[in-house]
Amino acid sequence: MAHGGIFGIAINGIPLETVTSEHYENNPQSKWHNEALTGQLILGIDENIAHAQPSGTYHNYGLPTGLIHKHGHENEITLIGYAADGFQV
């Protein structure tokens, strides 16, 4: 994605994405993108702060709460994935 897009991948294989593809006021010339988690757009965000694009690609926009709940332990740092540079997230 030209505007930032996928910055890492979760340990369950789901991509982590920073911004939406939808442009502000549907105007690509604005160079502004809508924030996925404001509730202003109907993106089908689920309980894992993720959704499927029209292409069928599923990706997270925020903390993958289901993954953290499944693999995390109280008062411990939880590995959720890896950034594109290889560092843990």
N, C-alpha and C. Protein backbone atom coordinates (compact mmCIF):
# COMPACT_ATOMS: atom_id res chain seq x y z
N MET A 1 0.84 -1.19 0.00
CA MET A 1 0.00 0.00 0.00
C MET A 1 0.88 1.25 0.00
N ALA A 2 0.58 2.18 -0.79
CA ALA A 2 1.41 3.37 -0.94
C ALA A 2 1.35 4.32 0.24
N HIS A 3 0.30 4.28 1.04
CA HIS A 3 0.13 5.26 2.11
C HIS A 3 0.62 4.78 3.47
N GLY A 4 1.35 3.73 3.56
CA GLY A 4 1.87 3.25 4.83
C GLY A 4 1.53 1.79 4.99
N GLY A 5 0.27 1.49 5.08
CA GLY A 5 -0.22 0.13 5.06
C GLY A 5 0.33 -0.79 6.12
N ILE A 6 0.65 -2.00 5.72
CA ILE A 6 1.06 -3.06 6.63
C ILE A 6 2.45 -2.75 7.19
N PHE A 7 2.54 -2.73 8.53
CA PHE A 7 3.82 -2.46 9.17
C PHE A 7 4.37 -3.68 9.90
N GLY A 8 3.59 -4.74 9.99
CA GLY A 8 4.05 -5.94 10.67
C GLY A 8 3.04 -7.06 10.52
N ILE A 9 3.33 -8.15 11.21
CA ILE A 9 2.45 -9.31 11.14
C ILE A 9 2.34 -9.92 12.54
N ALA A 10 1.13 -10.28 12.91
CA ALA A 10 0.89 -10.88 14.22
C ALA A 10 1.34 -12.33 14.23
N ILE A 11 1.49 -12.91 15.42
CA ILE A 11 1.95 -14.28 15.52
C ILE A 11 0.95 -15.28 14.96
N ASN A 12 -0.29 -14.83 14.74
CA ASN A 12 -1.29 -15.71 14.11
C ASN A 12 -1.34 -15.52 12.59
N GLY A 13 -0.40 -14.72 12.04
CA GLY A 13 -0.30 -14.54 10.60
C GLY A 13 -1.13 -13.40 10.04
N ILE A 14 -1.85 -12.69 10.89
CA ILE A 14 -2.71 -11.59 10.44
C ILE A 14 -1.88 -10.31 10.31
N PRO A 15 -1.94 -9.62 9.17
CA PRO A 15 -1.19 -8.37 9.01
C PRO A 15 -1.68 -7.28 9.96
N LEU A 16 -0.75 -6.43 10.39
CA LEU A 16 -1.04 -5.26 11.21
C LEU A 16 -0.93 -4.05 10.29
N GLU A 17 -1.99 -3.26 10.23
CA GLU A 17 -2.05 -2.15 9.29
C GLU A 17 -2.25 -0.84 10.04
N THR A 18 -1.67 0.23 9.54
CA THR A 18 -1.71 1.50 10.26
C THR A 18 -2.90 2.39 9.90
N VAL A 19 -3.27 2.45 8.66
CA VAL A 19 -4.31 3.40 8.24
C VAL A 19 -5.28 2.75 7.26
N THR A 20 -6.41 3.40 7.06
CA THR A 20 -7.38 2.92 6.09
C THR A 20 -7.01 3.37 4.68
N SER A 21 -7.58 2.72 3.70
CA SER A 21 -7.38 3.12 2.31
C SER A 21 -8.34 4.23 1.91
N GLU A 22 -9.41 4.40 2.68
CA GLU A 22 -10.43 5.39 2.33
C GLU A 22 -9.90 6.81 2.56
N HIS A 23 -10.02 7.63 1.54
CA HIS A 23 -9.57 9.01 1.63
C HIS A 23 -10.63 9.89 2.29
N TYR A 24 -10.16 10.94 2.95
CA TYR A 24 -11.04 11.91 3.58
C TYR A 24 -11.98 12.50 2.53
N GLU A 25 -13.26 12.51 2.83
CA GLU A 25 -14.30 13.01 1.93
C GLU A 25 -14.22 12.36 0.55
N ASN A 26 -13.70 11.12 0.50
CA ASN A 26 -13.59 10.35 -0.74
C ASN A 26 -12.80 11.10 -1.81
N ASN A 27 -11.81 11.88 -1.38
CA ASN A 27 -11.03 12.70 -2.29
C ASN A 27 -9.55 12.31 -2.23
N PRO A 28 -9.05 11.50 -3.18
CA PRO A 28 -7.64 11.11 -3.16
C PRO A 28 -6.68 12.29 -3.22
N GLN A 29 -7.11 13.42 -3.76
CA GLN A 29 -6.25 14.59 -3.84
C GLN A 29 -5.97 15.19 -2.46
N SER A 30 -6.82 14.87 -1.47
CA SER A 30 -6.63 15.43 -0.13
C SER A 30 -5.39 14.87 0.56
N LYS A 31 -4.98 13.66 0.14
CA LYS A 31 -3.85 12.95 0.74
C LYS A 31 -4.08 12.63 2.22
N TRP A 32 -5.31 12.77 2.69
CA TRP A 32 -5.68 12.42 4.05
C TRP A 32 -6.47 11.12 4.01
N HIS A 33 -6.27 10.28 5.00
CA HIS A 33 -7.00 9.02 5.10
C HIS A 33 -7.84 9.02 6.36
N ASN A 34 -9.01 8.41 6.28
CA ASN A 34 -9.89 8.32 7.44
C ASN A 34 -9.28 7.39 8.49
N GLU A 35 -9.50 7.71 9.75
CA GLU A 35 -9.07 6.86 10.86
C GLU A 35 -10.05 5.71 10.98
N ALA A 36 -9.54 4.50 10.96
CA ALA A 36 -10.39 3.30 10.95
C ALA A 36 -11.19 3.11 12.24
N LEU A 37 -10.67 3.56 13.37
CA LEU A 37 -11.28 3.22 14.64
C LEU A 37 -12.16 4.30 15.25
N THR A 38 -12.51 5.33 14.49
CA THR A 38 -13.36 6.39 15.04
C THR A 38 -14.83 6.02 15.05
N GLY A 39 -15.23 5.04 14.26
CA GLY A 39 -16.63 4.70 14.14
C GLY A 39 -17.33 5.51 13.07
N GLN A 40 -16.62 6.41 12.41
CA GLN A 40 -17.21 7.24 11.35
C GLN A 40 -17.42 6.46 10.06
N LEU A 41 -16.64 5.40 9.87
CA LEU A 41 -16.76 4.57 8.68
C LEU A 41 -17.34 3.21 9.07
N ILE A 42 -18.12 2.65 8.22
CA ILE A 42 -18.66 1.32 8.43
C ILE A 42 -17.70 0.33 7.76
N LEU A 43 -16.75 -0.18 8.53
CA LEU A 43 -15.73 -1.08 7.98
C LEU A 43 -15.92 -2.52 8.42
N GLY A 44 -16.87 -2.76 9.32
CA GLY A 44 -17.06 -4.11 9.81
C GLY A 44 -15.99 -4.53 10.80
N ILE A 45 -15.48 -3.56 11.56
CA ILE A 45 -14.45 -3.86 12.56
C ILE A 45 -15.04 -4.82 13.60
N ASP A 46 -14.34 -5.91 13.88
CA ASP A 46 -14.85 -6.91 14.81
C ASP A 46 -14.23 -6.74 16.20
N GLU A 47 -14.49 -7.71 17.09
CA GLU A 47 -14.01 -7.63 18.47
C GLU A 47 -12.50 -7.73 18.58
N ASN A 48 -11.82 -8.09 17.50
CA ASN A 48 -10.36 -8.14 17.48
C ASN A 48 -9.74 -6.89 16.87
N ILE A 49 -10.56 -5.86 16.69
CA ILE A 49 -10.14 -4.60 16.07
C ILE A 49 -9.58 -4.88 14.68
N ALA A 50 -10.30 -5.70 13.93
CA ALA A 50 -9.86 -6.11 12.60
C ALA A 50 -11.08 -6.24 11.68
N HIS A 51 -10.82 -6.38 10.40
CA HIS A 51 -11.89 -6.62 9.43
C HIS A 51 -11.31 -7.19 8.15
N ALA A 52 -12.20 -7.65 7.29
CA ALA A 52 -11.80 -8.15 5.98
C ALA A 52 -12.06 -7.07 4.94
N GLN A 53 -11.11 -6.86 4.07
CA GLN A 53 -11.28 -5.92 2.96
C GLN A 53 -12.14 -6.59 1.90
N PRO A 54 -12.62 -5.82 0.92
CA PRO A 54 -13.39 -6.42 -0.17
C PRO A 54 -12.64 -7.56 -0.88
N SER A 55 -11.32 -7.50 -0.86
CA SER A 55 -10.52 -8.56 -1.49
C SER A 55 -10.50 -9.85 -0.66
N GLY A 56 -11.00 -9.76 0.60
CA GLY A 56 -11.00 -10.90 1.49
C GLY A 56 -9.83 -10.90 2.46
N THR A 57 -8.90 -9.97 2.29
CA THR A 57 -7.74 -9.87 3.18
C THR A 57 -8.18 -9.38 4.55
N TYR A 58 -7.86 -10.14 5.58
CA TYR A 58 -8.20 -9.80 6.96
C TYR A 58 -6.98 -9.15 7.60
N HIS A 59 -7.17 -8.05 8.34
CA HIS A 59 -6.05 -7.37 8.98
C HIS A 59 -6.52 -6.60 10.20
N ASN A 60 -5.56 -6.36 11.11
CA ASN A 60 -5.82 -5.61 12.34
C ASN A 60 -5.51 -4.14 12.15
N TYR A 61 -6.31 -3.28 12.82
CA TYR A 61 -6.04 -1.85 12.85
C TYR A 61 -5.58 -1.39 14.21
N GLY A 62 -5.77 -2.19 15.22
CA GLY A 62 -5.39 -1.82 16.58
C GLY A 62 -4.87 -3.04 17.31
N LEU A 63 -4.83 -2.96 18.62
CA LEU A 63 -4.36 -4.10 19.40
C LEU A 63 -5.27 -5.29 19.17
N PRO A 64 -4.72 -6.42 18.77
CA PRO A 64 -5.53 -7.62 18.54
C PRO A 64 -5.94 -8.22 19.89
N THR A 65 -7.01 -7.72 20.45
CA THR A 65 -7.42 -8.08 21.81
C THR A 65 -7.66 -9.57 22.00
N GLY A 66 -8.22 -10.25 21.01
CA GLY A 66 -8.44 -11.69 21.12
C GLY A 66 -7.12 -12.44 21.22
N LEU A 67 -6.16 -12.04 20.43
CA LEU A 67 -4.83 -12.66 20.45
C LEU A 67 -4.14 -12.41 21.79
N ILE A 68 -4.24 -11.20 22.28
CA ILE A 68 -3.63 -10.86 23.58
C ILE A 68 -4.29 -11.67 24.69
N HIS A 69 -5.60 -11.77 24.65
CA HIS A 69 -6.32 -12.54 25.67
C HIS A 69 -5.91 -14.01 25.63
N LYS A 70 -5.75 -14.55 24.44
CA LYS A 70 -5.42 -15.97 24.29
C LYS A 70 -3.98 -16.28 24.72
N HIS A 71 -3.04 -15.42 24.38
CA HIS A 71 -1.63 -15.71 24.61
C HIS A 71 -1.00 -14.92 25.76
N GLY A 72 -1.69 -13.91 26.24
CA GLY A 72 -1.12 -13.07 27.28
C GLY A 72 -1.33 -13.61 28.68
N HIS A 73 -0.52 -13.12 29.58
CA HIS A 73 -0.63 -13.44 30.99
C HIS A 73 -0.61 -12.13 31.76
N GLU A 74 -1.42 -12.04 32.79
CA GLU A 74 -1.53 -10.81 33.56
C GLU A 74 -0.16 -10.36 34.06
N ASN A 75 0.10 -9.07 33.95
CA ASN A 75 1.34 -8.43 34.41
C ASN A 75 2.59 -8.90 33.66
N GLU A 76 2.42 -9.42 32.45
CA GLU A 76 3.56 -9.80 31.62
C GLU A 76 3.43 -9.13 30.25
N ILE A 77 4.55 -8.89 29.62
CA ILE A 77 4.55 -8.38 28.26
C ILE A 77 4.17 -9.52 27.33
N THR A 78 3.28 -9.25 26.39
CA THR A 78 2.80 -10.28 25.47
C THR A 78 3.32 -10.01 24.06
N LEU A 79 3.99 -10.97 23.48
CA LEU A 79 4.43 -10.87 22.10
C LEU A 79 3.21 -11.06 21.21
N ILE A 80 2.92 -10.05 20.39
CA ILE A 80 1.77 -10.19 19.47
C ILE A 80 2.21 -10.35 18.03
N GLY A 81 3.47 -10.03 17.72
CA GLY A 81 3.94 -10.18 16.35
C GLY A 81 5.29 -9.53 16.13
N TYR A 82 5.57 -9.28 14.87
CA TYR A 82 6.84 -8.69 14.48
C TYR A 82 6.63 -7.55 13.50
N ALA A 83 7.37 -6.48 13.70
CA ALA A 83 7.31 -5.34 12.78
C ALA A 83 8.11 -5.70 11.52
N ALA A 84 7.94 -4.91 10.49
CA ALA A 84 8.63 -5.18 9.21
C ALA A 84 10.15 -5.18 9.37
N ASP A 85 10.66 -4.49 10.39
CA ASP A 85 12.10 -4.46 10.60
C ASP A 85 12.60 -5.64 11.44
N GLY A 86 11.68 -6.55 11.83
CA GLY A 86 12.05 -7.73 12.59
C GLY A 86 11.92 -7.60 14.09
N PHE A 87 11.69 -6.37 14.56
CA PHE A 87 11.54 -6.18 16.01
C PHE A 87 10.21 -6.72 16.49
N GLN A 88 10.18 -7.18 17.72
CA GLN A 88 8.95 -7.70 18.32
C GLN A 88 7.99 -6.56 18.63
N VAL A 89 6.70 -6.84 18.48
CA VAL A 89 5.65 -5.89 18.86
C VAL A 89 4.71 -6.56 19.84
